[in-house]
Amino acid sequence: MVNPSAHLSEKLFDHDVPKVATRNGYGEGLVEAGKKNSSVVVLCADLTESTRSEYFQKAFPDRFIEVGVAEQNMASLAAGMALAGKIPFISSYAAFSPGRNNEQIRTTIALNDVNVKIGGAHGGLSVGPDGATHQALEDIALMRVLPNMRVIVPCDALEAKKATMAAAEILGPVYLRFAREATPVMTTESTPFRFGKAEVFAEGKDVTIVAAGPVLHEALLASRELMKEGISAEVLNCHTVKPLDSETIAGSAKKTGAVVTVEEHQVAGGLGGAVAEMLGLLHPVPMEFIGVHDKFGESGTSLELWEAFGLTHSHIMEAAKKAIQRK
């Protein structure tokens, strides 16, 4: 059952649930962070409209820098600005940042532990018709492995706004992942967002479903449908992939005895890998993994791709049943 303390949208399961792209929340969060702190600056790699950095550009034109198609230069420039006391947010498609400029992020930002925030837009399969070249499915893994890097994957536009504002307050490198497609707004202004803490969105006792990003809505749908079959599924919103909230996730795993992870990313190195590594040390339980399994993306609508790659609620339900059977 939905956890009332999570303060989720009353239209959570309605057909007319509002849909907004998480990248919009990033743009709004940038403006709020800029209002709060004049040291916040924004850099973009010729994708100002696509990343929604345009919101900040219009509000604070003197603190916005268009770098052009030069993601490597953007990362290095931001590192220098951070060392000079600024709080730079850099953004591009995740396929290009951190995809194209991974070495610069590693060496100039993470190694030096400088205060740069990296916004990876159009993450996951939901880029749709753009196809495999633009569908970043390994960006979480690239960022999670870097020392000093934090990784946040907001579930909806409201949470993306909160996450962006929170990132401005964190001292050190942060990676924020966003999607292009408009997806259900599950949370409300009163829904808690605590960096580094997984939130219990639905309570259960038979299986734990740990999800990150907009695909969390499919996890909640799966939980509702499983309840109709007498299966009680706990759903955790794991917006912070690094540092992982081992206390909440392991505590839920101890209660339910089975875990399913759900993500719009390669399972290897992503949320699934992170949860498996942690539970392998603290509390091993049967696990199933919903995500992309060692494949590149394809062209298609976002819904077609989610179904083709097994990310929809029916696939999550099957995975939950498999995990329970293995107890």
C-alpha atoms as a PDB file:
ATOM      1  CA  MET A   1       0.000   0.000   0.000  1.00  0.00           C
ATOM      2  CA  VAL A   2       1.120   3.572  -0.694  1.00  0.00           C
ATOM      3  CA  ASN A   3       2.943   5.069   2.263  1.00  0.00           C
ATOM      4  CA  PRO A   4       0.925   8.117   3.439  1.00  0.00           C
ATOM      5  CA  SER A   5       4.029   9.754   4.914  1.00  0.00           C
ATOM      6  CA  ALA A   6       5.530   9.949   1.417  1.00  0.00           C
ATOM      7  CA  HIS A   7       2.934  12.599   0.482  1.00  0.00           C
ATOM      8  CA  LEU A   8       2.499  11.352  -3.073  1.00  0.00           C
ATOM      9  CA  SER A   9       0.222  12.816  -5.730  1.00  0.00           C
ATOM     10  CA  GLU A  10      -3.486  12.087  -5.372  1.00  0.00           C
ATOM     11  CA  LYS A  11      -3.510  11.392  -9.121  1.00  0.00           C
ATOM     12  CA  LEU A  12      -0.680   8.854  -8.863  1.00  0.00           C
ATOM     13  CA  PHE A  13      -2.606   6.094 -10.635  1.00  0.00           C
ATOM     14  CA  ASP A  14      -5.044   8.215 -12.659  1.00  0.00           C
ATOM     15  CA  HIS A  15      -5.047   8.254 -16.454  1.00  0.00           C
ATOM     16  CA  ASP A  16      -4.813  12.051 -16.356  1.00  0.00           C
ATOM     17  CA  VAL A  17      -1.822  12.168 -14.009  1.00  0.00           C
ATOM     18  CA  PRO A  18       0.217  15.281 -14.958  1.00  0.00           C
ATOM     19  CA  LYS A  19       3.309  14.514 -17.027  1.00  0.00           C
ATOM     20  CA  VAL A  20       6.377  16.763 -17.084  1.00  0.00           C
ATOM     21  CA  ALA A  21       9.941  15.996 -18.181  1.00  0.00           C
ATOM     22  CA  THR A  22      12.497  15.798 -15.385  1.00  0.00           C
ATOM     23  CA  ARG A  23      14.735  18.135 -17.404  1.00  0.00           C
ATOM     24  CA  ASN A  24      12.165  20.874 -16.752  1.00  0.00           C
ATOM     25  CA  GLY A  25      12.698  20.433 -13.028  1.00  0.00           C
ATOM     26  CA  TYR A  26      16.433  20.835 -13.591  1.00  0.00           C
ATOM     27  CA  GLY A  27      15.886  24.160 -15.336  1.00  0.00           C
ATOM     28  CA  GLU A  28      13.585  25.409 -12.589  1.00  0.00           C
ATOM     29  CA  GLY A  29      15.988  24.242  -9.911  1.00  0.00           C
ATOM     30  CA  LEU A  30      18.843  26.125 -11.552  1.00  0.00           C
ATOM     31  CA  VAL A  31      16.888  29.370 -11.358  1.00  0.00           C
ATOM     32  CA  GLU A  32      16.038  28.842  -7.681  1.00  0.00           C
ATOM     33  CA  ALA A  33      19.638  27.959  -6.864  1.00  0.00           C
ATOM     34  CA  GLY A  34      20.768  31.064  -8.741  1.00  0.00           C
ATOM     35  CA  LYS A  35      18.398  33.270  -6.763  1.00  0.00           C
ATOM     36  CA  LYS A  36      19.731  31.853  -3.513  1.00  0.00           C
ATOM     37  CA  ASN A  37      23.429  32.027  -4.324  1.00  0.00           C
ATOM     38  CA  SER A  38      25.075  34.493  -6.708  1.00  0.00           C
ATOM     39  CA  SER A  39      28.043  32.126  -7.084  1.00  0.00           C
ATOM     40  CA  VAL A  40      25.932  29.682  -9.114  1.00  0.00           C
ATOM     41  CA  VAL A  41      26.854  29.792 -12.810  1.00  0.00           C
ATOM     42  CA  VAL A  42      25.622  27.619 -15.669  1.00  0.00           C
ATOM     43  CA  LEU A  43      27.506  26.333 -18.703  1.00  0.00           C
ATOM     44  CA  CYS A  44      25.973  24.487 -21.625  1.00  0.00           C
ATOM     45  CA  ALA A  45      27.296  22.730 -24.735  1.00  0.00           C
ATOM     46  CA  ASP A  46      25.029  24.108 -27.472  1.00  0.00           C
ATOM     47  CA  LEU A  47      21.917  22.402 -26.053  1.00  0.00           C
ATOM     48  CA  THR A  48      20.487  25.251 -24.011  1.00  0.00           C
ATOM     49  CA  GLU A  49      16.851  24.586 -24.902  1.00  0.00           C
ATOM     50  CA  SER A  50      17.126  20.794 -24.747  1.00  0.00           C
ATOM     51  CA  THR A  51      18.698  20.757 -21.287  1.00  0.00           C
ATOM     52  CA  ARG A  52      16.402  23.552 -20.049  1.00  0.00           C
ATOM     53  CA  SER A  53      19.459  25.601 -19.115  1.00  0.00           C
ATOM     54  CA  GLU A  54      17.632  28.325 -21.030  1.00  0.00           C
ATOM     55  CA  TYR A  55      15.595  29.024 -17.878  1.00  0.00           C
ATOM     56  CA  PHE A  56      18.772  30.152 -16.099  1.00  0.00           C
ATOM     57  CA  GLN A  57      20.059  31.955 -19.191  1.00  0.00           C
ATOM     58  CA  LYS A  58      16.938  34.129 -19.281  1.00  0.00           C
ATOM     59  CA  ALA A  59      16.995  34.801 -15.527  1.00  0.00           C
ATOM     60  CA  PHE A  60      20.745  35.420 -15.165  1.00  0.00           C
ATOM     61  CA  PRO A  61      22.299  36.099 -18.603  1.00  0.00           C
ATOM     62  CA  ASP A  62      25.494  37.436 -17.058  1.00  0.00           C
ATOM     63  CA  ARG A  63      26.057  34.120 -15.256  1.00  0.00           C
ATOM     64  CA  PHE A  64      25.415  31.865 -18.242  1.00  0.00           C
ATOM     65  CA  ILE A  65      28.138  30.644 -20.621  1.00  0.00           C
ATOM     66  CA  GLU A  66      27.447  28.952 -23.957  1.00  0.00           C
ATOM     67  CA  VAL A  67      30.520  26.809 -24.576  1.00  0.00           C
ATOM     68  CA  GLY A  68      29.438  25.363 -27.914  1.00  0.00           C
ATOM     69  CA  VAL A  69      29.929  21.763 -28.986  1.00  0.00           C
ATOM     70  CA  ALA A  70      32.932  21.324 -26.726  1.00  0.00           C
ATOM     71  CA  GLU A  71      32.034  19.132 -23.758  1.00  0.00           C
ATOM     72  CA  GLN A  72      35.655  18.471 -22.816  1.00  0.00           C
ATOM     73  CA  ASN A  73      36.404  22.186 -22.649  1.00  0.00           C
ATOM     74  CA  MET A  74      33.196  22.767 -20.687  1.00  0.00           C
ATOM     75  CA  ALA A  75      34.260  20.327 -17.941  1.00  0.00           C
ATOM     76  CA  SER A  76      37.757  21.794 -17.642  1.00  0.00           C
ATOM     77  CA  LEU A  77      36.477  25.373 -17.689  1.00  0.00           C
ATOM     78  CA  ALA A  78      33.970  24.535 -14.949  1.00  0.00           C
ATOM     79  CA  ALA A  79      36.708  22.983 -12.818  1.00  0.00           C
ATOM     80  CA  GLY A  80      38.702  26.195 -13.023  1.00  0.00           C
ATOM     81  CA  MET A  81      35.671  28.296 -12.163  1.00  0.00           C
ATOM     82  CA  ALA A  82      34.968  26.083  -9.148  1.00  0.00           C
ATOM     83  CA  LEU A  83      38.528  26.528  -7.927  1.00  0.00           C
ATOM     84  CA  ALA A  84      37.927  30.276  -8.207  1.00  0.00           C
ATOM     85  CA  GLY A  85      34.909  30.045  -5.900  1.00  0.00           C
ATOM     86  CA  LYS A  86      32.018  29.621  -8.308  1.00  0.00           C
ATOM     87  CA  ILE A  87      29.407  26.822  -8.252  1.00  0.00           C
ATOM     88  CA  PRO A  88      29.263  25.731 -11.903  1.00  0.00           C
ATOM     89  CA  PHE A  89      26.498  23.541 -13.348  1.00  0.00           C
ATOM     90  CA  ILE A  90      27.429  22.027 -16.706  1.00  0.00           C
ATOM     91  CA  SER A  91      24.898  20.345 -18.956  1.00  0.00           C
ATOM     92  CA  SER A  92      24.579  18.435 -22.186  1.00  0.00           C
ATOM     93  CA  TYR A  93      23.058  15.155 -23.305  1.00  0.00           C
ATOM     94  CA  ALA A  94      24.295  12.434 -20.982  1.00  0.00           C
ATOM     95  CA  ALA A  95      25.671  10.613 -24.044  1.00  0.00           C
ATOM     96  CA  PHE A  96      28.115  13.519 -24.429  1.00  0.00           C
ATOM     97  CA  SER A  97      28.552  14.597 -20.798  1.00  0.00           C
ATOM     98  CA  PRO A  98      29.696  12.355 -19.133  1.00  0.00           C
ATOM     99  CA  GLY A  99      29.965  10.263 -22.299  1.00  0.00           C
ATOM    100  CA  ARG A 100      32.332  12.336 -24.424  1.00  0.00           C
ATOM    101  CA  ASN A 101      34.127  14.206 -21.638  1.00  0.00           C
ATOM    102  CA  ASN A 102      34.568  11.400 -19.129  1.00  0.00           C
ATOM    103  CA  GLU A 103      38.336  11.883 -18.963  1.00  0.00           C
ATOM    104  CA  GLN A 104      38.025  15.588 -18.164  1.00  0.00           C
ATOM    105  CA  ILE A 105      35.359  14.917 -15.525  1.00  0.00           C
ATOM    106  CA  ARG A 106      37.598  12.255 -14.010  1.00  0.00           C
ATOM    107  CA  THR A 107      40.828  14.263 -13.989  1.00  0.00           C
ATOM    108  CA  THR A 108      39.832  17.908 -13.626  1.00  0.00           C
ATOM    109  CA  ILE A 109      36.683  17.518 -11.512  1.00  0.00           C
ATOM    110  CA  ALA A 110      36.608  14.254  -9.531  1.00  0.00           C
ATOM    111  CA  LEU A 111      40.332  13.851  -8.905  1.00  0.00           C
ATOM    112  CA  ASN A 112      40.570  17.429  -7.669  1.00  0.00           C
ATOM    113  CA  ASP A 113      37.265  17.106  -5.766  1.00  0.00           C
ATOM    114  CA  VAL A 114      36.058  20.446  -7.102  1.00  0.00           C
ATOM    115  CA  ASN A 115      32.575  21.854  -6.693  1.00  0.00           C
ATOM    116  CA  VAL A 116      31.133  21.166 -10.174  1.00  0.00           C
ATOM    117  CA  LYS A 117      27.610  19.860 -10.836  1.00  0.00           C
ATOM    118  CA  ILE A 118      27.083  17.796 -13.983  1.00  0.00           C
ATOM    119  CA  GLY A 119      23.623  17.661 -15.539  1.00  0.00           C
ATOM    120  CA  GLY A 120      23.172  14.700 -17.892  1.00  0.00           C
ATOM    121  CA  ALA A 121      20.012  15.257 -19.932  1.00  0.00           C
ATOM    122  CA  HIS A 122      18.166  12.800 -22.194  1.00  0.00           C
ATOM    123  CA  GLY A 123      19.331   9.862 -20.087  1.00  0.00           C
ATOM    124  CA  GLY A 124      17.998   6.373 -20.737  1.00  0.00           C
ATOM    125  CA  LEU A 125      15.934   4.776 -23.495  1.00  0.00           C
ATOM    126  CA  SER A 126      13.227   7.431 -23.476  1.00  0.00           C
ATOM    127  CA  VAL A 127      15.199   9.617 -25.886  1.00  0.00           C
ATOM    128  CA  GLY A 128      13.282   7.338 -28.261  1.00  0.00           C
ATOM    129  CA  PRO A 129      13.697   7.912 -32.021  1.00  0.00           C
ATOM    130  CA  ASP A 130      17.189   9.390 -31.590  1.00  0.00           C
ATOM    131  CA  GLY A 131      18.383   5.804 -31.155  1.00  0.00           C
ATOM    132  CA  ALA A 132      21.358   4.098 -29.597  1.00  0.00           C
ATOM    133  CA  THR A 133      23.919   6.853 -30.218  1.00  0.00           C
ATOM    134  CA  HIS A 134      21.968   9.286 -28.040  1.00  0.00           C
ATOM    135  CA  GLN A 135      20.540   6.865 -25.465  1.00  0.00           C
ATOM    136  CA  ALA A 136      22.907   7.070 -22.500  1.00  0.00           C
ATOM    137  CA  LEU A 137      22.638   3.715 -20.720  1.00  0.00           C
ATOM    138  CA  GLU A 138      26.028   3.693 -19.014  1.00  0.00           C
ATOM    139  CA  ASP A 139      26.294   7.202 -17.561  1.00  0.00           C
ATOM    140  CA  ILE A 140      25.353   6.205 -13.996  1.00  0.00           C
ATOM    141  CA  ALA A 141      28.053   3.526 -14.053  1.00  0.00           C
ATOM    142  CA  LEU A 142      30.655   5.983 -15.354  1.00  0.00           C
ATOM    143  CA  MET A 143      29.887   8.467 -12.601  1.00  0.00           C
ATOM    144  CA  ARG A 144      29.296   5.988  -9.773  1.00  0.00           C
ATOM    145  CA  VAL A 145      32.767   4.509 -10.099  1.00  0.00           C
ATOM    146  CA  LEU A 146      34.516   7.879  -9.697  1.00  0.00           C
ATOM    147  CA  PRO A 147      35.810   8.717  -6.205  1.00  0.00           C
ATOM    148  CA  ASN A 148      34.292  11.937  -4.765  1.00  0.00           C
ATOM    149  CA  MET A 149      31.319  11.832  -7.176  1.00  0.00           C
ATOM    150  CA  ARG A 150      27.699  11.808  -5.974  1.00  0.00           C
ATOM    151  CA  VAL A 151      24.953  10.481  -8.269  1.00  0.00           C
ATOM    152  CA  ILE A 152      21.293  11.562  -8.175  1.00  0.00           C
ATOM    153  CA  VAL A 153      18.527  10.213 -10.458  1.00  0.00           C
ATOM    154  CA  PRO A 154      15.263  12.116  -9.763  1.00  0.00           C
ATOM    155  CA  CYS A 155      11.961  10.294 -10.277  1.00  0.00           C
ATOM    156  CA  ASP A 156       9.947  13.255 -11.579  1.00  0.00           C
ATOM    157  CA  ALA A 157      10.118  16.961 -12.381  1.00  0.00           C
ATOM    158  CA  LEU A 158       9.357  18.134  -8.846  1.00  0.00           C
ATOM    159  CA  GLU A 159      12.039  15.923  -7.383  1.00  0.00           C
ATOM    160  CA  ALA A 160      14.455  17.056 -10.092  1.00  0.00           C
ATOM    161  CA  LYS A 161      13.935  20.654  -9.016  1.00  0.00           C
ATOM    162  CA  LYS A 162      14.582  19.738  -5.376  1.00  0.00           C
ATOM    163  CA  ALA A 163      17.632  17.667  -6.329  1.00  0.00           C
ATOM    164  CA  THR A 164      19.140  20.487  -8.379  1.00  0.00           C
ATOM    165  CA  MET A 165      18.694  22.957  -5.541  1.00  0.00           C
ATOM    166  CA  ALA A 166      20.194  20.422  -3.109  1.00  0.00           C
ATOM    167  CA  ALA A 167      23.173  19.838  -5.404  1.00  0.00           C
ATOM    168  CA  ALA A 168      24.050  23.525  -5.199  1.00  0.00           C
ATOM    169  CA  GLU A 169      24.360  23.141  -1.419  1.00  0.00           C
ATOM    170  CA  ILE A 170      26.584  20.039  -1.554  1.00  0.00           C
ATOM    171  CA  LEU A 171      30.321  20.727  -1.488  1.00  0.00           C
ATOM    172  CA  GLY A 172      31.937  18.641  -4.208  1.00  0.00           C
ATOM    173  CA  PRO A 173      31.106  16.962  -7.527  1.00  0.00           C
ATOM    174  CA  VAL A 174      27.528  15.856  -8.207  1.00  0.00           C
ATOM    175  CA  TYR A 175      26.021  14.086 -11.226  1.00  0.00           C
ATOM    176  CA  LEU A 176      22.313  14.706 -11.892  1.00  0.00           C
ATOM    177  CA  ARG A 177      20.505  12.609 -14.491  1.00  0.00           C
ATOM    178  CA  PHE A 178      17.431  13.790 -16.400  1.00  0.00           C
ATOM    179  CA  ALA A 179      15.102  12.537 -19.110  1.00  0.00           C
ATOM    180  CA  ARG A 180      13.642  14.180 -22.208  1.00  0.00           C
ATOM    181  CA  GLU A 181      10.235  12.471 -22.193  1.00  0.00           C
ATOM    182  CA  ALA A 182       7.366  13.894 -20.148  1.00  0.00           C
ATOM    183  CA  THR A 183       6.684  11.384 -17.368  1.00  0.00           C
ATOM    184  CA  PRO A 184       4.183  11.154 -14.470  1.00  0.00           C
ATOM    185  CA  VAL A 185       4.597  13.620 -11.618  1.00  0.00           C
ATOM    186  CA  MET A 186       4.357  11.275  -8.646  1.00  0.00           C
ATOM    187  CA  THR A 187       5.518  13.543  -5.853  1.00  0.00           C
ATOM    188  CA  THR A 188       4.251  16.805  -4.393  1.00  0.00           C
ATOM    189  CA  GLU A 189       5.894  19.868  -2.910  1.00  0.00           C
ATOM    190  CA  SER A 190       5.633  18.197   0.524  1.00  0.00           C
ATOM    191  CA  THR A 191       7.214  14.896  -0.546  1.00  0.00           C
ATOM    192  CA  PRO A 192      10.513  14.531   1.322  1.00  0.00           C
ATOM    193  CA  PHE A 193      13.748  14.789  -0.633  1.00  0.00           C
ATOM    194  CA  ARG A 194      16.798  14.018   1.431  1.00  0.00           C
ATOM    195  CA  PHE A 195      20.092  13.594  -0.357  1.00  0.00           C
ATOM    196  CA  GLY A 196      21.521  10.159   0.353  1.00  0.00           C
ATOM    197  CA  LYS A 197      18.241   8.751   1.710  1.00  0.00           C
ATOM    198  CA  ALA A 198      15.934   6.292  -0.040  1.00  0.00           C
ATOM    199  CA  GLU A 199      12.261   7.039   0.561  1.00  0.00           C
ATOM    200  CA  VAL A 200       9.610   4.360   1.201  1.00  0.00           C
ATOM    201  CA  PHE A 201       6.853   5.159  -1.314  1.00  0.00           C
ATOM    202  CA  ALA A 202       4.855   1.964  -0.713  1.00  0.00           C
ATOM    203  CA  GLU A 203       4.960  -0.362   2.269  1.00  0.00           C
ATOM    204  CA  GLY A 204       5.088  -4.144   1.932  1.00  0.00           C
ATOM    205  CA  LYS A 205       6.331  -7.384   3.457  1.00  0.00           C
ATOM    206  CA  ASP A 206       6.853  -9.922   0.638  1.00  0.00           C
ATOM    207  CA  VAL A 207       9.346  -8.254  -1.721  1.00  0.00           C
ATOM    208  CA  THR A 208      11.274  -4.988  -1.984  1.00  0.00           C
ATOM    209  CA  ILE A 209      11.317  -3.057  -5.257  1.00  0.00           C
ATOM    210  CA  VAL A 210      14.140  -0.496  -5.419  1.00  0.00           C
ATOM    211  CA  ALA A 211      13.752   1.983  -8.281  1.00  0.00           C
ATOM    212  CA  ALA A 212      15.428   5.162  -9.521  1.00  0.00           C
ATOM    213  CA  GLY A 213      14.215   7.690 -12.068  1.00  0.00           C
ATOM    214  CA  PRO A 214      10.883   8.049 -13.890  1.00  0.00           C
ATOM    215  CA  VAL A 215      10.538   4.265 -14.205  1.00  0.00           C
ATOM    216  CA  LEU A 216       9.642   4.368 -10.502  1.00  0.00           C
ATOM    217  CA  HIS A 217       6.050   4.959 -11.639  1.00  0.00           C
ATOM    218  CA  GLU A 218       6.052   1.508 -13.238  1.00  0.00           C
ATOM    219  CA  ALA A 219       7.311   0.058  -9.946  1.00  0.00           C
ATOM    220  CA  LEU A 220       4.413   1.672  -8.096  1.00  0.00           C
ATOM    221  CA  LEU A 221       1.964   0.338 -10.689  1.00  0.00           C
ATOM    222  CA  ALA A 222       3.476  -3.129 -10.219  1.00  0.00           C
ATOM    223  CA  SER A 223       3.063  -2.841  -6.449  1.00  0.00           C
ATOM    224  CA  ARG A 224      -0.604  -1.944  -6.845  1.00  0.00           C
ATOM    225  CA  GLU A 225      -1.272  -4.852  -9.217  1.00  0.00           C
ATOM    226  CA  LEU A 226       0.663  -7.321  -7.073  1.00  0.00           C
ATOM    227  CA  MET A 227      -1.506  -6.346  -4.109  1.00  0.00           C
ATOM    228  CA  LYS A 228      -4.529  -7.544  -6.086  1.00  0.00           C
ATOM    229  CA  GLU A 229      -2.855 -10.957  -6.235  1.00  0.00           C
ATOM    230  CA  GLY A 230      -2.124 -10.994  -2.524  1.00  0.00           C
ATOM    231  CA  ILE A 231       1.533 -10.010  -2.835  1.00  0.00           C
ATOM    232  CA  SER A 232       2.704  -7.114  -0.677  1.00  0.00           C
ATOM    233  CA  ALA A 233       5.529  -5.200  -2.377  1.00  0.00           C
ATOM    234  CA  GLU A 234       7.534  -2.457  -0.710  1.00  0.00           C
ATOM    235  CA  VAL A 235       8.708   0.265  -3.125  1.00  0.00           C
ATOM    236  CA  LEU A 236      11.746   2.423  -2.410  1.00  0.00           C
ATOM    237  CA  ASN A 237      12.544   5.603  -4.314  1.00  0.00           C
ATOM    238  CA  CYS A 238      16.332   5.390  -4.495  1.00  0.00           C
ATOM    239  CA  HIS A 239      16.989   8.792  -6.065  1.00  0.00           C
ATOM    240  CA  THR A 240      20.515   8.876  -4.638  1.00  0.00           C
ATOM    241  CA  VAL A 241      22.466   6.050  -6.257  1.00  0.00           C
ATOM    242  CA  LYS A 242      25.710   7.246  -4.670  1.00  0.00           C
ATOM    243  CA  PRO A 243      26.062   7.394  -1.726  1.00  0.00           C
ATOM    244  CA  LEU A 244      23.647   4.480  -1.502  1.00  0.00           C
ATOM    245  CA  ASP A 245      21.297   4.374   1.484  1.00  0.00           C
ATOM    246  CA  SER A 246      22.405   0.945   2.673  1.00  0.00           C
ATOM    247  CA  GLU A 247      20.545   1.247   5.975  1.00  0.00           C
ATOM    248  CA  THR A 248      17.098   1.710   4.421  1.00  0.00           C
ATOM    249  CA  ILE A 249      17.596  -0.755   1.547  1.00  0.00           C
ATOM    250  CA  ALA A 250      19.188  -3.496   3.668  1.00  0.00           C
ATOM    251  CA  GLY A 251      16.547  -2.968   6.354  1.00  0.00           C
ATOM    252  CA  SER A 252      13.789  -3.475   3.814  1.00  0.00           C
ATOM    253  CA  ALA A 253      15.553  -6.533   2.374  1.00  0.00           C
ATOM    254  CA  LYS A 254      15.733  -8.078   5.856  1.00  0.00           C
ATOM    255  CA  LYS A 255      11.984  -7.520   6.245  1.00  0.00           C
ATOM    256  CA  THR A 256      10.873  -8.874   2.861  1.00  0.00           C
ATOM    257  CA  GLY A 257      13.591 -11.395   2.030  1.00  0.00           C
ATOM    258  CA  ALA A 258      13.640 -10.611  -1.714  1.00  0.00           C
ATOM    259  CA  VAL A 259      14.648  -7.617  -3.854  1.00  0.00           C
ATOM    260  CA  VAL A 260      13.988  -6.339  -7.385  1.00  0.00           C
ATOM    261  CA  THR A 261      15.875  -3.334  -8.768  1.00  0.00           C
ATOM    262  CA  VAL A 262      14.365  -1.159 -11.506  1.00  0.00           C
ATOM    263  CA  GLU A 263      16.252   1.332 -13.671  1.00  0.00           C
ATOM    264  CA  GLU A 264      16.421   2.807 -17.176  1.00  0.00           C
ATOM    265  CA  HIS A 265      20.110   1.987 -17.485  1.00  0.00           C
ATOM    266  CA  GLN A 266      22.481  -0.917 -17.874  1.00  0.00           C
ATOM    267  CA  VAL A 267      22.041  -3.232 -14.886  1.00  0.00           C
ATOM    268  CA  ALA A 268      25.823  -3.748 -14.814  1.00  0.00           C
ATOM    269  CA  GLY A 269      27.303  -0.821 -12.930  1.00  0.00           C
ATOM    270  CA  GLY A 270      23.985   0.893 -12.378  1.00  0.00           C
ATOM    271  CA  LEU A 271      21.469   0.806  -9.533  1.00  0.00           C
ATOM    272  CA  GLY A 272      21.159  -2.976  -9.770  1.00  0.00           C
ATOM    273  CA  GLY A 273      24.890  -3.448  -9.474  1.00  0.00           C
ATOM    274  CA  ALA A 274      25.129  -0.991  -6.584  1.00  0.00           C
ATOM    275  CA  VAL A 275      22.348  -2.666  -4.583  1.00  0.00           C
ATOM    276  CA  ALA A 276      23.727  -6.157  -5.272  1.00  0.00           C
ATOM    277  CA  GLU A 277      27.204  -5.135  -4.124  1.00  0.00           C
ATOM    278  CA  MET A 278      25.831  -3.681  -0.913  1.00  0.00           C
ATOM    279  CA  LEU A 279      23.455  -6.536  -0.072  1.00  0.00           C
ATOM    280  CA  GLY A 280      26.148  -9.086  -0.890  1.00  0.00           C
ATOM    281  CA  LEU A 281      28.104  -7.653   2.037  1.00  0.00           C
ATOM    282  CA  LEU A 282      25.312  -6.810   4.461  1.00  0.00           C
ATOM    283  CA  HIS A 283      22.341  -9.096   3.808  1.00  0.00           C
ATOM    284  CA  PRO A 284      22.284 -11.386   0.763  1.00  0.00           C
ATOM    285  CA  VAL A 285      18.778 -12.165  -0.527  1.00  0.00           C
ATOM    286  CA  PRO A 286      17.354 -13.424  -3.844  1.00  0.00           C
ATOM    287  CA  MET A 287      17.459 -10.599  -6.402  1.00  0.00           C
ATOM    288  CA  GLU A 288      16.059  -9.882  -9.855  1.00  0.00           C
ATOM    289  CA  PHE A 289      17.136  -6.992 -12.071  1.00  0.00           C
ATOM    290  CA  ILE A 290      14.899  -4.856 -14.276  1.00  0.00           C
ATOM    291  CA  GLY A 291      16.927  -2.723 -16.652  1.00  0.00           C
ATOM    292  CA  VAL A 292      18.995  -3.018 -19.809  1.00  0.00           C
ATOM    293  CA  HIS A 293      20.999  -6.233 -19.939  1.00  0.00           C
ATOM    294  CA  ASP A 294      24.206  -5.717 -21.927  1.00  0.00           C
ATOM    295  CA  LYS A 295      22.531  -4.207 -24.994  1.00  0.00           C
ATOM    296  CA  PHE A 296      22.541  -0.904 -26.821  1.00  0.00           C
ATOM    297  CA  GLY A 297      19.291   0.978 -27.282  1.00  0.00           C
ATOM    298  CA  GLU A 298      17.116   1.156 -30.394  1.00  0.00           C
ATOM    299  CA  SER A 299      14.883   3.686 -32.119  1.00  0.00           C
ATOM    300  CA  GLY A 300      11.220   3.850 -31.149  1.00  0.00           C
ATOM    301  CA  THR A 301       8.824   5.676 -28.895  1.00  0.00           C
ATOM    302  CA  SER A 302       9.704   5.696 -25.217  1.00  0.00           C
ATOM    303  CA  LEU A 303       6.784   3.411 -24.347  1.00  0.00           C
ATOM    304  CA  GLU A 304       7.699   0.978 -27.122  1.00  0.00           C
ATOM    305  CA  LEU A 305      11.269   0.851 -25.850  1.00  0.00           C
ATOM    306  CA  TRP A 306      10.300   0.431 -22.202  1.00  0.00           C
ATOM    307  CA  GLU A 307       8.147  -2.536 -23.222  1.00  0.00           C
ATOM    308  CA  ALA A 308      10.752  -4.000 -25.595  1.00  0.00           C
ATOM    309  CA  PHE A 309      13.475  -3.833 -22.932  1.00  0.00           C
ATOM    310  CA  GLY A 310      11.221  -5.144 -20.164  1.00  0.00           C
ATOM    311  CA  LEU A 311      10.890  -2.036 -17.992  1.00  0.00           C
ATOM    312  CA  THR A 312       7.094  -1.858 -17.666  1.00  0.00           C
ATOM    313  CA  HIS A 313       5.069  -2.903 -14.642  1.00  0.00           C
ATOM    314  CA  SER A 314       4.111  -6.330 -16.019  1.00  0.00           C
ATOM    315  CA  HIS A 315       7.794  -7.258 -16.268  1.00  0.00           C
ATOM    316  CA  ILE A 316       8.439  -5.906 -12.773  1.00  0.00           C
ATOM    317  CA  MET A 317       5.604  -8.077 -11.456  1.00  0.00           C
ATOM    318  CA  GLU A 318       7.129 -11.172 -13.051  1.00  0.00           C
ATOM    319  CA  ALA A 319      10.524 -10.341 -11.564  1.00  0.00           C
ATOM    320  CA  ALA A 320       8.998  -9.853  -8.109  1.00  0.00           C
ATOM    321  CA  LYS A 321       7.331 -13.275  -8.267  1.00  0.00           C
ATOM    322  CA  LYS A 322      10.603 -14.905  -9.353  1.00  0.00           C
ATOM    323  CA  ALA A 323      12.484 -13.293  -6.471  1.00  0.00           C
ATOM    324  CA  ILE A 324       9.830 -14.417  -3.977  1.00  0.00           C
ATOM    325  CA  GLN A 325       9.960 -18.003  -5.304  1.00  0.00           C
ATOM    326  CA  ARG A 326      13.700 -18.078  -4.689  1.00  0.00           C
ATOM    327  CA  LYS A 327      13.441 -17.278  -0.983  1.00  0.00           C
END
